Amino acid sequence: MILDAARAAASRLFSPEFRFVFLKTLGLTLLALLALWAGLESLLEWLAWPWLQTLLPGLPSWAGWLGGIVAGIVLAVGLALLIAPVTAIVAGLFLDDIAEVVERTDYPDDPPGRAVPALHSLVLAIKFFGVVVLGNIVALLLLLVPGVNIAAFFIVNGYLLGREFFEFAAMRFRPEAEAKALRRKYAGTVFLAGLVIAVFLAVPLLNLLTPLFAAAMMVHLHKAVSARGPV
């Protein structure tokens, strides 16, 4: 069931509809990062450099030039690391588009789901971003514990990603409380599906597609477990 859902989701990733959502997501992500770059650079020029000149008077002129280069490199590396998580929060706003494509093309005879309200989608996107960041902080702390570091990354992300994306897919058809109850009933299956998503997340560049893959996969998984009977 899980592998079938993963294969079905992967087969849709490069369809025209998915490509459009991904390009829209990536474009908004790059705009957000460029705005962040400009803001941080202006902040450094306005605040950090005058403070440094006051703290260390008599700095040569080339120190500012060198400091600007170093700051630019640090900002570039930091923003590169932010591409995946920022893409995740932006993509969270378009998950309903992905779910609608999967439902329309793969389940044409079933009633379509309801789009999650825009404000609720934003809350879910922020929540998803927060739990992923928190989960990875915990995983990074566990890197100090020999033998559990890699396992920690997959276990933490598998649980969090499985939970959030399954509940999203379920809430298109059920009240939130019922979606959570269904997720608890099939907790083991949802966790294993989350591990598949975590593996996807661990692959550089491919991880930019993680929210789209996860949403499509969980639509298929929700359909499969719903066919087994009521909650």
Protein backbone atom coordinates (compact mmCIF):
# COMPACT_ATOMS: atom_id res chain seq x y z
CA MET A 1 0.00 0.00 0.00
CA ILE A 2 2.74 2.46 0.95
CA LEU A 3 4.94 1.56 -2.03
CA ASP A 4 1.95 1.81 -4.35
CA ALA A 5 1.18 5.28 -3.01
CA ALA A 6 4.84 6.32 -3.37
CA ARG A 7 5.07 5.05 -6.95
CA ALA A 8 1.82 6.77 -7.89
CA ALA A 9 3.03 10.06 -6.39
CA ALA A 10 6.44 9.83 -8.06
CA SER A 11 4.85 9.21 -11.45
CA ARG A 12 3.03 12.54 -11.17
CA LEU A 13 5.99 14.68 -10.12
CA PHE A 14 6.97 15.76 -13.61
CA SER A 15 3.50 16.08 -15.07
CA PRO A 16 2.63 19.54 -16.49
CA GLU A 17 0.31 20.35 -13.56
CA PHE A 18 2.95 19.48 -10.95
CA ARG A 19 5.65 21.36 -12.88
CA PHE A 20 3.50 24.48 -12.86
CA VAL A 21 2.98 24.33 -9.09
CA PHE A 22 6.69 23.63 -8.51
CA LEU A 23 7.84 26.53 -10.72
CA LYS A 24 5.37 28.84 -9.00
CA THR A 25 6.63 27.68 -5.61
CA LEU A 26 10.30 28.01 -6.59
CA GLY A 27 9.75 31.48 -8.04
CA LEU A 28 8.10 32.75 -4.86
CA THR A 29 10.84 31.11 -2.78
CA LEU A 30 13.60 32.87 -4.73
CA LEU A 31 11.79 36.20 -4.43
CA ALA A 32 11.48 35.69 -0.66
CA LEU A 33 15.19 34.82 -0.35
CA LEU A 34 16.23 37.80 -2.48
CA ALA A 35 14.15 40.08 -0.26
CA LEU A 36 15.75 38.50 2.80
CA TRP A 37 19.22 38.97 1.27
CA ALA A 38 18.56 42.67 0.59
CA GLY A 39 17.18 43.19 4.08
CA LEU A 40 20.07 41.50 5.86
CA GLU A 41 22.66 43.26 3.70
CA SER A 42 21.08 46.65 4.45
CA LEU A 43 20.96 45.80 8.15
CA LEU A 44 24.66 44.91 8.16
CA GLU A 45 25.62 48.14 6.39
CA TRP A 46 23.41 50.28 8.62
CA LEU A 47 24.03 48.64 11.99
CA ALA A 48 26.93 46.19 12.10
CA TRP A 49 29.67 48.14 10.34
CA PRO A 50 29.21 51.45 12.26
CA TRP A 51 29.11 49.47 15.50
CA LEU A 52 32.35 47.71 14.55
CA GLN A 53 34.05 51.04 13.73
CA THR A 54 32.98 52.40 17.10
CA LEU A 55 34.22 49.29 18.92
CA LEU A 56 37.51 49.16 17.00
CA PRO A 57 38.42 52.70 15.95
CA GLY A 58 41.15 53.15 13.38
CA LEU A 59 40.24 50.19 11.20
CA PRO A 60 41.80 50.50 7.72
CA SER A 61 39.49 51.10 4.77
CA TRP A 62 40.21 47.68 3.30
CA ALA A 63 38.76 46.04 6.41
CA GLY A 64 35.28 47.18 5.42
CA TRP A 65 35.74 45.85 1.91
CA LEU A 66 37.00 42.49 3.22
CA GLY A 67 34.24 42.34 5.82
CA GLY A 68 31.66 42.92 3.09
CA ILE A 69 33.02 39.98 1.08
CA VAL A 70 33.01 37.68 4.12
CA ALA A 71 29.51 38.77 5.08
CA GLY A 72 28.33 38.17 1.52
CA ILE A 73 29.75 34.64 1.53
CA VAL A 74 28.15 33.87 4.92
CA LEU A 75 24.80 35.24 3.72
CA ALA A 76 25.00 33.22 0.49
CA VAL A 77 25.72 29.98 2.37
CA GLY A 78 22.95 30.70 4.87
CA LEU A 79 20.39 31.42 2.16
CA ALA A 80 21.42 28.28 0.27
CA LEU A 81 20.67 26.25 3.39
CA LEU A 82 17.31 28.00 3.68
CA ILE A 83 16.14 27.13 0.16
CA ALA A 84 14.62 23.77 1.14
CA PRO A 85 12.75 24.91 4.30
CA VAL A 86 11.52 28.14 2.67
CA THR A 87 10.35 26.16 -0.36
CA ALA A 88 8.47 23.89 2.07
CA ILE A 89 6.55 26.73 3.68
CA VAL A 90 5.73 28.34 0.31
CA ALA A 91 4.66 24.98 -1.14
CA GLY A 92 2.35 24.55 1.84
CA LEU A 93 0.16 27.24 0.31
CA PHE A 94 -0.32 25.17 -2.86
CA LEU A 95 -0.87 21.67 -1.46
CA ASP A 96 -4.56 21.79 -2.33
CA ASP A 97 -3.62 22.33 -5.98
CA ILE A 98 -1.59 19.11 -5.88
CA ALA A 99 -4.33 17.18 -4.08
CA GLU A 100 -6.93 18.34 -6.61
CA VAL A 101 -4.78 17.15 -9.53
CA VAL A 102 -4.31 13.70 -7.96
CA GLU A 103 -7.99 13.34 -7.06
CA ARG A 104 -9.17 14.49 -10.49
CA THR A 105 -6.81 12.33 -12.54
CA ASP A 106 -6.46 9.18 -10.42
CA TYR A 107 -9.89 9.07 -8.75
CA PRO A 108 -12.25 10.64 -11.29
CA ASP A 109 -15.30 8.69 -10.05
CA ASP A 110 -14.87 9.74 -6.40
CA PRO A 111 -16.32 12.96 -4.95
CA PRO A 112 -13.62 15.67 -4.88
CA GLY A 113 -12.21 16.88 -1.59
CA ARG A 114 -12.77 20.31 -0.09
CA ALA A 115 -9.93 22.81 -0.27
CA VAL A 116 -8.61 23.76 3.15
CA PRO A 117 -9.47 27.46 3.81
CA ALA A 118 -6.67 29.88 2.90
CA LEU A 119 -6.01 30.97 6.48
CA HIS A 120 -5.95 27.36 7.66
CA SER A 121 -3.55 26.51 4.79
CA LEU A 122 -1.22 29.27 5.96
CA VAL A 123 -1.38 27.97 9.54
CA LEU A 124 -0.64 24.43 8.31
CA ALA A 125 2.28 25.69 6.21
CA ILE A 126 3.79 27.55 9.17
CA LYS A 127 3.15 24.55 11.43
CA PHE A 128 4.81 22.22 8.92
CA PHE A 129 7.81 24.55 8.67
CA GLY A 130 8.04 24.77 12.45
CA VAL A 131 7.85 21.05 13.14
CA VAL A 132 10.43 20.27 10.45
CA VAL A 133 12.85 22.89 11.82
CA LEU A 134 12.27 21.71 15.40
CA GLY A 135 12.63 18.08 14.37
CA ASN A 136 15.92 18.75 12.65
CA ILE A 137 17.25 20.70 15.63
CA VAL A 138 16.51 17.66 17.78
CA ALA A 139 18.13 15.42 15.18
CA LEU A 140 21.23 17.66 15.08
CA LEU A 141 21.52 17.48 18.86
CA LEU A 142 21.32 13.70 18.63
CA LEU A 143 24.24 13.75 16.18
CA LEU A 144 26.37 13.94 19.32
CA VAL A 145 25.09 10.52 20.39
CA PRO A 146 27.03 7.79 18.54
CA GLY A 147 24.98 5.21 16.71
CA VAL A 148 21.66 7.07 16.67
CA ASN A 149 22.42 10.19 14.60
CA ILE A 150 21.27 9.04 11.15
CA ALA A 151 18.42 7.02 12.63
CA ALA A 152 17.30 10.12 14.57
CA PHE A 153 17.01 12.16 11.38
CA PHE A 154 14.75 9.61 9.70
CA ILE A 155 12.67 8.77 12.78
CA VAL A 156 11.99 12.40 13.72
CA ASN A 157 11.25 13.51 10.17
CA GLY A 158 9.32 10.34 9.36
CA TYR A 159 6.96 10.91 12.26
CA LEU A 160 6.47 14.63 11.71
CA LEU A 161 6.16 14.53 7.92
CA GLY A 162 3.86 11.52 7.97
CA ARG A 163 1.59 13.09 10.56
CA GLU A 164 1.27 16.53 8.96
CA PHE A 165 0.80 15.42 5.37
CA PHE A 166 -1.60 12.59 6.15
CA GLU A 167 -3.80 14.88 8.24
CA PHE A 168 -3.75 17.44 5.43
CA ALA A 169 -4.98 14.84 2.90
CA ALA A 170 -7.59 13.53 5.34
CA MET A 171 -8.94 16.98 6.21
CA ARG A 172 -9.99 17.50 2.61
CA PHE A 173 -12.68 14.88 3.28
CA ARG A 174 -13.14 14.84 7.07
CA PRO A 175 -13.36 17.18 10.07
CA GLU A 176 -10.00 17.78 11.74
CA ALA A 177 -10.82 15.61 14.77
CA GLU A 178 -11.80 12.69 12.56
CA ALA A 179 -8.66 13.14 10.43
CA LYS A 180 -6.51 12.94 13.56
CA ALA A 181 -8.40 9.85 14.75
CA LEU A 182 -7.83 8.14 11.41
CA ARG A 183 -4.14 8.96 11.56
CA ARG A 184 -3.90 7.46 15.06
CA LYS A 185 -5.74 4.33 13.93
CA TYR A 186 -3.18 3.76 11.16
CA ALA A 187 -0.24 5.29 13.04
CA GLY A 188 2.23 2.58 11.97
CA THR A 189 1.31 2.84 8.29
CA VAL A 190 1.46 6.64 8.38
CA PHE A 191 4.86 6.54 10.09
CA LEU A 192 6.29 4.17 7.47
CA ALA A 193 4.96 6.45 4.74
CA GLY A 194 6.63 9.35 6.56
CA LEU A 195 9.93 7.46 6.44
CA VAL A 196 9.63 7.27 2.64
CA ILE A 197 9.12 11.05 2.59
CA ALA A 198 12.11 11.51 4.91
CA VAL A 199 14.31 9.56 2.48
CA PHE A 200 13.07 11.85 -0.29
CA LEU A 201 13.89 14.85 1.92
CA ALA A 202 17.45 13.63 2.44
CA VAL A 203 18.36 13.81 -1.27
CA PRO A 204 19.81 17.24 -2.20
CA LEU A 205 17.90 19.19 -4.88
CA LEU A 206 15.26 16.47 -5.02
CA ASN A 207 14.22 17.61 -1.55
CA LEU A 208 12.80 20.79 -3.11
CA LEU A 209 9.99 18.58 -4.43
CA THR A 210 9.31 17.02 -1.02
CA PRO A 211 6.05 18.88 -0.21
CA LEU A 212 4.58 18.06 -3.64
CA PHE A 213 5.61 14.40 -3.45
CA ALA A 214 4.38 14.08 0.14
CA ALA A 215 0.99 15.66 -0.57
CA ALA A 216 0.39 13.41 -3.59
CA MET A 217 1.53 10.29 -1.74
CA MET A 218 -0.70 10.97 1.25
CA VAL A 219 -3.74 11.55 -0.97
CA HIS A 220 -3.23 8.02 -2.31
CA LEU A 221 -2.60 6.62 1.18
CA HIS A 222 -5.71 8.28 2.59
CA LYS A 223 -7.78 6.80 -0.22
CA ALA A 224 -6.34 3.36 0.51
CA VAL A 225 -6.97 3.38 4.27
CA SER A 226 -10.42 4.95 3.85
CA ALA A 227 -11.44 2.01 1.68
CA ARG A 228 -10.81 -0.32 4.62
CA GLY A 229 -13.75 1.00 6.61
CA PRO A 230 -14.93 3.84 8.86
CA VAL A 231 -12.82 5.36 11.61
